C-alpha atoms as a PDB file:
ATOM      1  CA  MET A   1       8.515 -13.789 -14.374  1.00  0.00           C
ATOM      2  CA  SER A   2      11.614 -13.300 -16.004  1.00  0.00           C
ATOM      3  CA  THR A   3      14.900 -12.169 -14.106  1.00  0.00           C
ATOM      4  CA  LYS A   4      15.040  -8.628 -15.829  1.00  0.00           C
ATOM      5  CA  GLU A   5      11.391  -8.517 -14.517  1.00  0.00           C
ATOM      6  CA  GLU A   6      12.283  -9.203 -10.834  1.00  0.00           C
ATOM      7  CA  ARG A   7      15.400  -6.676 -10.799  1.00  0.00           C
ATOM      8  CA  GLU A   8      13.399  -3.805 -12.125  1.00  0.00           C
ATOM      9  CA  ARG A   9      10.843  -4.413  -9.160  1.00  0.00           C
ATOM     10  CA  ILE A  10      11.142  -2.091  -5.934  1.00  0.00           C
ATOM     11  CA  GLU A  11      11.643  -3.408  -2.495  1.00  0.00           C
ATOM     12  CA  LEU A  12       8.995  -0.948  -0.093  1.00  0.00           C
ATOM     13  CA  LEU A  13      10.249   0.415   2.417  1.00  0.00           C
ATOM     14  CA  GLN A  14       9.155   0.334   5.909  1.00  0.00           C
ATOM     15  CA  GLY A  15       5.542   1.669   6.558  1.00  0.00           C
ATOM     16  CA  THR A  16       5.096   2.397   2.691  1.00  0.00           C
ATOM     17  CA  LEU A  17       2.983  -0.797   2.628  1.00  0.00           C
ATOM     18  CA  ASP A  18       0.666   0.073   5.170  1.00  0.00           C
ATOM     19  CA  LEU A  19       0.326   3.253   3.661  1.00  0.00           C
ATOM     20  CA  LEU A  20      -0.674   1.583   0.167  1.00  0.00           C
ATOM     21  CA  ILE A  21      -2.890  -0.771   1.875  1.00  0.00           C
ATOM     22  CA  LEU A  22      -4.670   2.172   3.462  1.00  0.00           C
ATOM     23  CA  ARG A  23      -4.772   4.332  -0.166  1.00  0.00           C
ATOM     24  CA  THR A  24      -6.236   0.673  -1.663  1.00  0.00           C
ATOM     25  CA  LEU A  25      -8.876   0.452   0.986  1.00  0.00           C
ATOM     26  CA  LEU A  26     -10.183   3.920   0.435  1.00  0.00           C
ATOM     27  CA  PHE A  27     -12.228   2.726  -2.745  1.00  0.00           C
ATOM     28  CA  GLY A  28     -13.887   0.404  -0.806  1.00  0.00           C
ATOM     29  CA  PRO A  29     -13.682  -3.044   0.822  1.00  0.00           C
ATOM     30  CA  ALA A  30     -11.653  -5.257  -0.493  1.00  0.00           C
ATOM     31  CA  HIS A  31      -9.747  -8.729   0.474  1.00  0.00           C
ATOM     32  CA  GLY A  32      -6.408  -9.949   0.691  1.00  0.00           C
ATOM     33  CA  HIS A  33      -5.847 -11.006  -2.779  1.00  0.00           C
ATOM     34  CA  ALA A  34      -7.595  -8.051  -4.582  1.00  0.00           C
ATOM     35  CA  ILE A  35      -5.658  -5.521  -2.452  1.00  0.00           C
ATOM     36  CA  VAL A  36      -2.490  -7.266  -3.567  1.00  0.00           C
ATOM     37  CA  LYS A  37      -3.490  -7.113  -7.170  1.00  0.00           C
ATOM     38  CA  SER A  38      -4.555  -3.665  -6.633  1.00  0.00           C
ATOM     39  CA  ILE A  39      -1.426  -2.387  -5.552  1.00  0.00           C
ATOM     40  CA  GLU A  40       0.433  -4.564  -8.429  1.00  0.00           C
ATOM     41  CA  GLN A  41      -1.708  -3.134 -11.196  1.00  0.00           C
ATOM     42  CA  ASN A  42      -1.566   0.454  -9.861  1.00  0.00           C
ATOM     43  CA  SER A  43       2.126   0.163  -9.914  1.00  0.00           C
ATOM     44  CA  ALA A  44       2.700  -0.776 -13.074  1.00  0.00           C
ATOM     45  CA  ASP A  45       3.671  -4.126 -11.880  1.00  0.00           C
ATOM     46  CA  VAL A  46       6.679  -2.769 -10.359  1.00  0.00           C
ATOM     47  CA  LEU A  47       5.544  -3.213  -6.462  1.00  0.00           C
ATOM     48  CA  GLN A  48       5.051  -6.688  -5.420  1.00  0.00           C
ATOM     49  CA  VAL A  49       3.546  -7.480  -2.203  1.00  0.00           C
ATOM     50  CA  GLU A  50       4.194 -10.943  -0.956  1.00  0.00           C
ATOM     51  CA  GLN A  51       1.727 -12.849   1.205  1.00  0.00           C
ATOM     52  CA  GLY A  52       4.491 -12.789   3.965  1.00  0.00           C
ATOM     53  CA  SER A  53       4.312  -9.098   4.269  1.00  0.00           C
ATOM     54  CA  LEU A  54       0.656  -8.382   3.352  1.00  0.00           C
ATOM     55  CA  TYR A  55      -1.060 -10.336   5.972  1.00  0.00           C
ATOM     56  CA  PRO A  56       1.190  -8.947   9.035  1.00  0.00           C
ATOM     57  CA  ALA A  57       0.419  -5.542   7.667  1.00  0.00           C
ATOM     58  CA  LEU A  58      -3.177  -6.045   7.387  1.00  0.00           C
ATOM     59  CA  HIS A  59      -3.109  -7.579  11.349  1.00  0.00           C
ATOM     60  CA  ARG A  60      -1.190  -4.243  12.253  1.00  0.00           C
ATOM     61  CA  LEU A  61      -3.562  -1.972  10.698  1.00  0.00           C
ATOM     62  CA  ILE A  62      -6.078  -3.728  12.545  1.00  0.00           C
ATOM     63  CA  LYS A  63      -4.640  -3.596  15.869  1.00  0.00           C
ATOM     64  CA  ARG A  64      -4.587   0.264  15.358  1.00  0.00           C
ATOM     65  CA  GLY A  65      -7.768   0.377  14.570  1.00  0.00           C
ATOM     66  CA  TRP A  66      -7.029   2.058  10.697  1.00  0.00           C
ATOM     67  CA  ILE A  67      -8.997  -1.070   9.426  1.00  0.00           C
ATOM     68  CA  THR A  68     -11.684  -3.763  10.441  1.00  0.00           C
ATOM     69  CA  PHE A  69     -12.465  -6.837   8.472  1.00  0.00           C
ATOM     70  CA  ALA A  70     -15.784  -8.877   8.044  1.00  0.00           C
ATOM     71  CA  GLU A  71     -16.043 -12.422   6.765  1.00  0.00           C
ATOM     72  CA  GLY A  72     -17.929 -12.707   3.435  1.00  0.00           C
ATOM     73  CA  ALA A  73     -17.314 -14.802   0.081  1.00  0.00           C
ATOM     74  CA  SER A  74     -14.989 -14.163  -2.541  1.00  0.00           C
ATOM     75  CA  GLU A  75     -15.573 -13.918  -6.186  1.00  0.00           C
ATOM     76  CA  ASN A  76     -14.791 -17.447  -6.885  1.00  0.00           C
ATOM     77  CA  ASN A  77     -17.328 -18.224  -3.689  1.00  0.00           C
ATOM     78  CA  ARG A  78     -14.398 -19.156  -0.983  1.00  0.00           C
ATOM     79  CA  ARG A  79     -14.300 -17.569   2.169  1.00  0.00           C
ATOM     80  CA  ALA A  80     -12.440 -14.199   2.536  1.00  0.00           C
ATOM     81  CA  LYS A  81     -11.918 -11.700   5.060  1.00  0.00           C
ATOM     82  CA  TYR A  82     -12.949  -7.989   3.549  1.00  0.00           C
ATOM     83  CA  TYR A  83     -10.826  -5.010   4.747  1.00  0.00           C
ATOM     84  CA  ARG A  84     -12.230  -2.046   5.474  1.00  0.00           C
ATOM     85  CA  LEU A  85     -10.943   1.509   6.125  1.00  0.00           C
ATOM     86  CA  THR A  86     -11.932   2.996   9.763  1.00  0.00           C
ATOM     87  CA  ALA A  87     -12.538   6.788  10.317  1.00  0.00           C
ATOM     88  CA  ARG A  88      -9.132   6.619  12.041  1.00  0.00           C
ATOM     89  CA  GLY A  89      -7.734   5.092   9.264  1.00  0.00           C
ATOM     90  CA  ARG A  90      -9.194   7.684   6.667  1.00  0.00           C
ATOM     91  CA  GLU A  91      -7.616  10.246   8.876  1.00  0.00           C
ATOM     92  CA  GLN A  92      -3.951   8.024   9.197  1.00  0.00           C
ATOM     93  CA  LEU A  93      -4.174   8.126   5.553  1.00  0.00           C
ATOM     94  CA  HIS A  94      -3.999  11.612   5.210  1.00  0.00           C
ATOM     95  CA  VAL A  95      -1.040  11.929   7.739  1.00  0.00           C
ATOM     96  CA  GLU A  96       0.876   9.289   5.826  1.00  0.00           C
ATOM     97  CA  THR A  97       0.172  10.767   2.525  1.00  0.00           C
ATOM     98  CA  THR A  98       1.479  13.827   4.107  1.00  0.00           C
ATOM     99  CA  LYS A  99       4.278  12.761   5.870  1.00  0.00           C
ATOM    100  CA  TRP A 100       5.249  10.497   2.373  1.00  0.00           C
ATOM    101  CA  ASP A 101       4.914  13.827   0.084  1.00  0.00           C
ATOM    102  CA  LYS A 102       7.696  15.067   2.947  1.00  0.00           C
ATOM    103  CA  LEU A 103       9.975  12.485   2.429  1.00  0.00           C
ATOM    104  CA  ALA A 104       9.814  12.018  -1.481  1.00  0.00           C
ATOM    105  CA  GLY A 105      10.605  15.724  -1.721  1.00  0.00           C
ATOM    106  CA  ALA A 106      13.163  15.627   0.506  1.00  0.00           C
ATOM    107  CA  ILE A 107      14.771  12.639  -1.473  1.00  0.00           C
ATOM    108  CA  ALA A 108      14.270  14.272  -4.611  1.00  0.00           C
ATOM    109  CA  ARG A 109      16.146  17.406  -3.431  1.00  0.00           C
ATOM    110  CA  ILE A 110      19.103  15.351  -2.445  1.00  0.00           C
ATOM    111  CA  LEU A 111      19.224  13.436  -5.620  1.00  0.00           C
ATOM    112  CA  ARG A 112      18.575  16.230  -7.976  1.00  0.00           C
ATOM    113  CA  PRO A 113      19.717  19.384  -6.599  1.00  0.00           C
ATOM    114  CA  ALA A 114      20.200  21.339  -9.821  1.00  0.00           C
ATOM    115  CA  GLU A 115      16.853  21.029 -11.142  1.00  0.00           C
ATOM    116  CA  GLU A 116      15.126  22.617  -7.853  1.00  0.00           C
ATOM    117  CA  LYS A 117      18.257  25.488  -8.780  1.00  0.00           C
ATOM    118  CA  ILE A 118      16.823  25.651 -12.493  1.00  0.00           C
ATOM    119  CA  GLU A 119      13.446  26.130 -11.394  1.00  0.00           C
END
């Protein structure tokens, strides 16, 4: 990756990775590498998730009961853990999405106060 591409990537706010993982798993079980690739692809490669961030987040979500996992074989026939959303995780995804929308709206109002007055 070039230096320019590295500068264009955005670091995730605390807790945002949890939300993105929950959202990714809404579509079905996935192993860690697939979760990372989905987040990167769906963000047009703006967001990059490092393994040093992913696996602690997955463990945190398991501990909270929002996701679970089962062992299986990956596409290239290697052992992998497949993570899936639990019922509690689905509920939490809704809670976290609502909080994110509220936060994003508040930040947008601060960054673009004139646009809000025009509307």
